[in-house]
Amino acid sequence: MADVYTVALSLIGILLSLPALLIAVNLLMPKVTKRAQTRLEQTPGKSFWMGVPIVSAFALFIAVTSQVNIGAVKALGFIAAIVGMGVGTVGGAGLARLLGDRMRPLSNPTSELTNLVRGAVMYELAALVPIVGWFLFIPFAGITVMGAAAFALVNWLPRPAEQPVSRSASQPVS
């Protein structure tokens, strides 16, 4: 029975701490997470395709270094895993911000912090759905947020859409 309690309480602790982590990252790095949100909102396809080589490089590096029997090399793999998770957390915080902003019209006017909590919880709950959440949502969202975070960390925002030039009544039509 103690093993069941250990697993259950550990899962509850993780489920409570993930939204807190995403909110903390949003509060500590608001400009970076806003840029990640902008990327996810305006260019999700580019974010996904930027994330593919980043996730592949991290995964390959970690897989190769875990097979080497030299302690320093294994440590590099461990550090790479932590850095990768950190980058993913920045992107996840941007996604939580985006989800919170998109839920704003669905509720009474609330504070930005409340929307951030709602977005983080929604992100977490979507990942918990069996099969679809585990094997579709998590991989696609994970790759996309890694790409958005990479764009945000190097300060690459999407180009603003060109506004069509409107003719005023005083301009002749040629």
C-alpha atoms as a PDB file:
ATOM      1  CA  MET A   1       0.000   0.000   0.000  1.00  0.00           C
ATOM      2  CA  ALA A   2       2.863   2.364   0.728  1.00  0.00           C
ATOM      3  CA  ASP A   3       4.154   1.921  -2.841  1.00  0.00           C
ATOM      4  CA  VAL A   4       0.763   2.923  -4.236  1.00  0.00           C
ATOM      5  CA  TYR A   5       0.704   6.043  -2.062  1.00  0.00           C
ATOM      6  CA  THR A   6       4.242   6.905  -3.127  1.00  0.00           C
ATOM      7  CA  VAL A   7       3.393   6.716  -6.832  1.00  0.00           C
ATOM      8  CA  ALA A   8       0.045   8.489  -6.456  1.00  0.00           C
ATOM      9  CA  LEU A   9       1.436  11.347  -4.372  1.00  0.00           C
ATOM     10  CA  SER A  10       4.435  11.713  -6.685  1.00  0.00           C
ATOM     11  CA  LEU A  11       2.117  12.055  -9.686  1.00  0.00           C
ATOM     12  CA  ILE A  12      -0.051  14.583  -7.856  1.00  0.00           C
ATOM     13  CA  GLY A  13       3.055  16.572  -6.964  1.00  0.00           C
ATOM     14  CA  ILE A  14       4.223  16.604 -10.575  1.00  0.00           C
ATOM     15  CA  LEU A  15       0.761  17.594 -11.822  1.00  0.00           C
ATOM     16  CA  LEU A  16       0.683  20.522  -9.412  1.00  0.00           C
ATOM     17  CA  SER A  17       4.224  21.647 -10.082  1.00  0.00           C
ATOM     18  CA  LEU A  18       4.121  21.809 -13.905  1.00  0.00           C
ATOM     19  CA  PRO A  19       1.671  24.739 -14.113  1.00  0.00           C
ATOM     20  CA  ALA A  20       3.649  26.442 -11.349  1.00  0.00           C
ATOM     21  CA  LEU A  21       6.866  26.018 -13.350  1.00  0.00           C
ATOM     22  CA  LEU A  22       5.282  27.401 -16.530  1.00  0.00           C
ATOM     23  CA  ILE A  23       3.877  30.381 -14.625  1.00  0.00           C
ATOM     24  CA  ALA A  24       7.226  31.029 -12.917  1.00  0.00           C
ATOM     25  CA  VAL A  25       9.020  31.011 -16.274  1.00  0.00           C
ATOM     26  CA  ASN A  26       6.404  33.441 -17.631  1.00  0.00           C
ATOM     27  CA  LEU A  27       6.902  35.741 -14.658  1.00  0.00           C
ATOM     28  CA  LEU A  28      10.703  35.547 -14.726  1.00  0.00           C
ATOM     29  CA  MET A  29      11.180  35.822 -18.493  1.00  0.00           C
ATOM     30  CA  PRO A  30       8.132  37.707 -19.805  1.00  0.00           C
ATOM     31  CA  LYS A  31       9.760  39.041 -22.969  1.00  0.00           C
ATOM     32  CA  VAL A  32      11.116  35.657 -24.038  1.00  0.00           C
ATOM     33  CA  THR A  33       7.845  33.841 -23.385  1.00  0.00           C
ATOM     34  CA  LYS A  34       5.940  36.602 -25.193  1.00  0.00           C
ATOM     35  CA  ARG A  35       8.202  36.084 -28.225  1.00  0.00           C
ATOM     36  CA  ALA A  36       7.601  32.325 -28.027  1.00  0.00           C
ATOM     37  CA  GLN A  37       3.861  32.995 -27.835  1.00  0.00           C
ATOM     38  CA  THR A  38       4.086  35.260 -30.876  1.00  0.00           C
ATOM     39  CA  ARG A  39       5.926  32.551 -32.812  1.00  0.00           C
ATOM     40  CA  LEU A  40       3.398  29.894 -31.817  1.00  0.00           C
ATOM     41  CA  GLU A  41       0.519  32.161 -32.731  1.00  0.00           C
ATOM     42  CA  GLN A  42       1.772  33.528 -36.043  1.00  0.00           C
ATOM     43  CA  THR A  43       4.136  30.871 -37.416  1.00  0.00           C
ATOM     44  CA  PRO A  44       3.404  27.465 -35.849  1.00  0.00           C
ATOM     45  CA  GLY A  45       4.584  25.627 -38.976  1.00  0.00           C
ATOM     46  CA  LYS A  46       7.972  27.356 -38.973  1.00  0.00           C
ATOM     47  CA  SER A  47       8.259  26.681 -35.248  1.00  0.00           C
ATOM     48  CA  PHE A  48       7.571  22.987 -35.835  1.00  0.00           C
ATOM     49  CA  TRP A  49      10.124  22.689 -38.629  1.00  0.00           C
ATOM     50  CA  MET A  50      12.696  24.609 -36.568  1.00  0.00           C
ATOM     51  CA  GLY A  51      12.017  22.233 -33.680  1.00  0.00           C
ATOM     52  CA  VAL A  52      12.568  19.051 -35.689  1.00  0.00           C
ATOM     53  CA  PRO A  53      16.366  19.427 -36.090  1.00  0.00           C
ATOM     54  CA  ILE A  54      16.725  20.827 -32.562  1.00  0.00           C
ATOM     55  CA  VAL A  55      14.902  17.908 -30.928  1.00  0.00           C
ATOM     56  CA  SER A  56      16.737  15.464 -33.214  1.00  0.00           C
ATOM     57  CA  ALA A  57      20.120  16.934 -32.327  1.00  0.00           C
ATOM     58  CA  PHE A  58      19.407  16.843 -28.594  1.00  0.00           C
ATOM     59  CA  ALA A  59      18.050  13.279 -28.775  1.00  0.00           C
ATOM     60  CA  LEU A  60      20.960  12.031 -30.875  1.00  0.00           C
ATOM     61  CA  PHE A  61      23.566  13.692 -28.655  1.00  0.00           C
ATOM     62  CA  ILE A  62      21.961  12.319 -25.493  1.00  0.00           C
ATOM     63  CA  ALA A  63      21.644   8.822 -26.996  1.00  0.00           C
ATOM     64  CA  VAL A  64      25.274   8.755 -28.133  1.00  0.00           C
ATOM     65  CA  THR A  65      26.707  10.122 -24.890  1.00  0.00           C
ATOM     66  CA  SER A  66      24.679   7.695 -22.781  1.00  0.00           C
ATOM     67  CA  GLN A  67      26.406   4.747 -24.508  1.00  0.00           C
ATOM     68  CA  VAL A  68      29.936   5.926 -23.725  1.00  0.00           C
ATOM     69  CA  ASN A  69      31.543   4.593 -20.534  1.00  0.00           C
ATOM     70  CA  ILE A  70      33.416   7.793 -19.728  1.00  0.00           C
ATOM     71  CA  GLY A  71      31.948   9.768 -16.842  1.00  0.00           C
ATOM     72  CA  ALA A  72      32.655  13.221 -18.292  1.00  0.00           C
ATOM     73  CA  VAL A  73      30.946  12.336 -21.570  1.00  0.00           C
ATOM     74  CA  LYS A  74      27.897  10.981 -19.736  1.00  0.00           C
ATOM     75  CA  ALA A  75      27.836  14.218 -17.750  1.00  0.00           C
ATOM     76  CA  LEU A  76      27.727  16.169 -21.023  1.00  0.00           C
ATOM     77  CA  GLY A  77      24.726  14.095 -22.098  1.00  0.00           C
ATOM     78  CA  PHE A  78      23.033  14.811 -18.777  1.00  0.00           C
ATOM     79  CA  ILE A  79      23.730  18.545 -19.153  1.00  0.00           C
ATOM     80  CA  ALA A  80      22.367  18.449 -22.713  1.00  0.00           C
ATOM     81  CA  ALA A  81      19.177  16.810 -21.402  1.00  0.00           C
ATOM     82  CA  ILE A  82      18.757  19.537 -18.793  1.00  0.00           C
ATOM     83  CA  VAL A  83      19.354  22.286 -21.362  1.00  0.00           C
ATOM     84  CA  GLY A  84      16.855  20.661 -23.727  1.00  0.00           C
ATOM     85  CA  MET A  85      14.249  20.463 -20.995  1.00  0.00           C
ATOM     86  CA  GLY A  86      14.922  24.110 -20.126  1.00  0.00           C
ATOM     87  CA  VAL A  87      14.408  25.195 -23.726  1.00  0.00           C
ATOM     88  CA  GLY A  88      11.229  23.120 -23.866  1.00  0.00           C
ATOM     89  CA  THR A  89       9.998  24.759 -20.666  1.00  0.00           C
ATOM     90  CA  VAL A  90      10.452  28.219 -22.176  1.00  0.00           C
ATOM     91  CA  GLY A  91       8.423  27.147 -25.200  1.00  0.00           C
ATOM     92  CA  GLY A  92       5.839  25.477 -22.973  1.00  0.00           C
ATOM     93  CA  ALA A  93       5.474  28.720 -21.032  1.00  0.00           C
ATOM     94  CA  GLY A  94       4.836  30.514 -24.331  1.00  0.00           C
ATOM     95  CA  LEU A  95       2.200  27.918 -25.232  1.00  0.00           C
ATOM     96  CA  ALA A  96       0.554  28.306 -21.815  1.00  0.00           C
ATOM     97  CA  ARG A  97       0.456  32.072 -22.391  1.00  0.00           C
ATOM     98  CA  LEU A  98      -1.094  31.556 -25.835  1.00  0.00           C
ATOM     99  CA  LEU A  99      -3.730  29.141 -24.519  1.00  0.00           C
ATOM    100  CA  GLY A 100      -4.566  31.541 -21.688  1.00  0.00           C
ATOM    101  CA  ASP A 101      -4.994  34.435 -24.103  1.00  0.00           C
ATOM    102  CA  ARG A 102      -7.217  32.353 -26.354  1.00  0.00           C
ATOM    103  CA  MET A 103      -9.406  31.367 -23.400  1.00  0.00           C
ATOM    104  CA  ARG A 104      -9.855  35.007 -22.324  1.00  0.00           C
ATOM    105  CA  PRO A 105     -13.013  35.619 -24.442  1.00  0.00           C
ATOM    106  CA  LEU A 106     -14.597  32.454 -23.035  1.00  0.00           C
ATOM    107  CA  SER A 107     -14.738  33.788 -19.478  1.00  0.00           C
ATOM    108  CA  ASN A 108     -15.419  36.952 -17.578  1.00  0.00           C
ATOM    109  CA  PRO A 109     -12.634  39.502 -17.779  1.00  0.00           C
ATOM    110  CA  THR A 110      -9.946  38.141 -15.515  1.00  0.00           C
ATOM    111  CA  SER A 111      -6.373  38.974 -14.668  1.00  0.00           C
ATOM    112  CA  GLU A 112      -3.504  37.895 -16.857  1.00  0.00           C
ATOM    113  CA  LEU A 113      -2.254  35.620 -14.084  1.00  0.00           C
ATOM    114  CA  THR A 114      -5.585  33.783 -13.984  1.00  0.00           C
ATOM    115  CA  ASN A 115      -5.456  33.289 -17.740  1.00  0.00           C
ATOM    116  CA  LEU A 116      -1.880  32.057 -17.437  1.00  0.00           C
ATOM    117  CA  VAL A 117      -2.922  29.487 -14.826  1.00  0.00           C
ATOM    118  CA  ARG A 118      -5.814  28.364 -17.024  1.00  0.00           C
ATOM    119  CA  GLY A 119      -3.531  28.042 -20.048  1.00  0.00           C
ATOM    120  CA  ALA A 120      -0.927  26.046 -18.112  1.00  0.00           C
ATOM    121  CA  VAL A 121      -3.552  23.692 -16.681  1.00  0.00           C
ATOM    122  CA  MET A 122      -5.161  23.269 -20.112  1.00  0.00           C
ATOM    123  CA  TYR A 123      -1.767  22.414 -21.632  1.00  0.00           C
ATOM    124  CA  GLU A 124      -1.110  19.873 -18.904  1.00  0.00           C
ATOM    125  CA  LEU A 125      -4.547  18.267 -19.128  1.00  0.00           C
ATOM    126  CA  ALA A 126      -4.309  17.960 -22.913  1.00  0.00           C
ATOM    127  CA  ALA A 127      -1.052  16.055 -22.486  1.00  0.00           C
ATOM    128  CA  LEU A 128      -2.674  13.656 -20.002  1.00  0.00           C
ATOM    129  CA  VAL A 129      -5.325  12.342 -22.407  1.00  0.00           C
ATOM    130  CA  PRO A 130      -4.547   8.673 -23.045  1.00  0.00           C
ATOM    131  CA  ILE A 131      -3.270   7.713 -26.508  1.00  0.00           C
ATOM    132  CA  VAL A 132      -4.109  10.973 -28.335  1.00  0.00           C
ATOM    133  CA  GLY A 133      -2.444  13.207 -25.763  1.00  0.00           C
ATOM    134  CA  TRP A 134       0.507  10.897 -25.231  1.00  0.00           C
ATOM    135  CA  PHE A 135       1.332   9.951 -28.811  1.00  0.00           C
ATOM    136  CA  LEU A 136       0.030  12.886 -30.870  1.00  0.00           C
ATOM    137  CA  PHE A 137      -0.266  16.015 -28.741  1.00  0.00           C
ATOM    138  CA  ILE A 138       2.919  15.670 -26.686  1.00  0.00           C
ATOM    139  CA  PRO A 139       5.296  14.955 -29.613  1.00  0.00           C
ATOM    140  CA  PHE A 140       3.861  17.627 -31.916  1.00  0.00           C
ATOM    141  CA  ALA A 141       3.527  20.223 -29.164  1.00  0.00           C
ATOM    142  CA  GLY A 142       6.980  19.350 -27.810  1.00  0.00           C
ATOM    143  CA  ILE A 143       8.687  19.775 -31.160  1.00  0.00           C
ATOM    144  CA  THR A 144       6.761  22.975 -31.901  1.00  0.00           C
ATOM    145  CA  VAL A 145       7.497  24.605 -28.538  1.00  0.00           C
ATOM    146  CA  MET A 146      11.191  23.737 -28.898  1.00  0.00           C
ATOM    147  CA  GLY A 147      11.269  25.558 -32.220  1.00  0.00           C
ATOM    148  CA  ALA A 148       9.318  28.524 -30.849  1.00  0.00           C
ATOM    149  CA  ALA A 149      11.624  28.713 -27.833  1.00  0.00           C
ATOM    150  CA  ALA A 150      14.696  28.637 -30.072  1.00  0.00           C
ATOM    151  CA  PHE A 151      13.295  31.511 -32.120  1.00  0.00           C
ATOM    152  CA  ALA A 152      12.412  33.392 -28.920  1.00  0.00           C
ATOM    153  CA  LEU A 153      15.805  32.877 -27.294  1.00  0.00           C
ATOM    154  CA  VAL A 154      17.654  34.277 -30.316  1.00  0.00           C
ATOM    155  CA  ASN A 155      15.088  37.089 -30.610  1.00  0.00           C
ATOM    156  CA  TRP A 156      13.787  36.190 -34.088  1.00  0.00           C
ATOM    157  CA  LEU A 157      10.256  37.464 -34.382  1.00  0.00           C
ATOM    158  CA  PRO A 158       8.150  36.846 -37.470  1.00  0.00           C
ATOM    159  CA  ARG A 159       8.075  39.649 -39.988  1.00  0.00           C
ATOM    160  CA  PRO A 160       4.969  41.772 -39.753  1.00  0.00           C
ATOM    161  CA  ALA A 161       2.460  41.150 -42.526  1.00  0.00           C
ATOM    162  CA  GLU A 162       2.563  43.812 -45.186  1.00  0.00           C
ATOM    163  CA  GLN A 163      -0.451  46.067 -45.030  1.00  0.00           C
ATOM    164  CA  PRO A 164      -2.176  46.692 -48.364  1.00  0.00           C
ATOM    165  CA  VAL A 165      -1.881  50.279 -49.502  1.00  0.00           C
ATOM    166  CA  SER A 166      -5.305  51.893 -49.425  1.00  0.00           C
ATOM    167  CA  ARG A 167      -6.198  54.576 -51.874  1.00  0.00           C
ATOM    168  CA  SER A 168      -7.698  57.733 -50.526  1.00  0.00           C
ATOM    169  CA  ALA A 169     -10.462  59.587 -52.291  1.00  0.00           C
ATOM    170  CA  SER A 170      -8.019  62.277 -53.420  1.00  0.00           C
ATOM    171  CA  GLN A 171      -5.771  59.862 -55.342  1.00  0.00           C
ATOM    172  CA  PRO A 172      -6.758  59.361 -58.958  1.00  0.00           C
ATOM    173  CA  VAL A 173      -7.290  55.835 -60.208  1.00  0.00           C
ATOM    174  CA  SER A 174      -5.006  55.088 -63.142  1.00  0.00           C
END
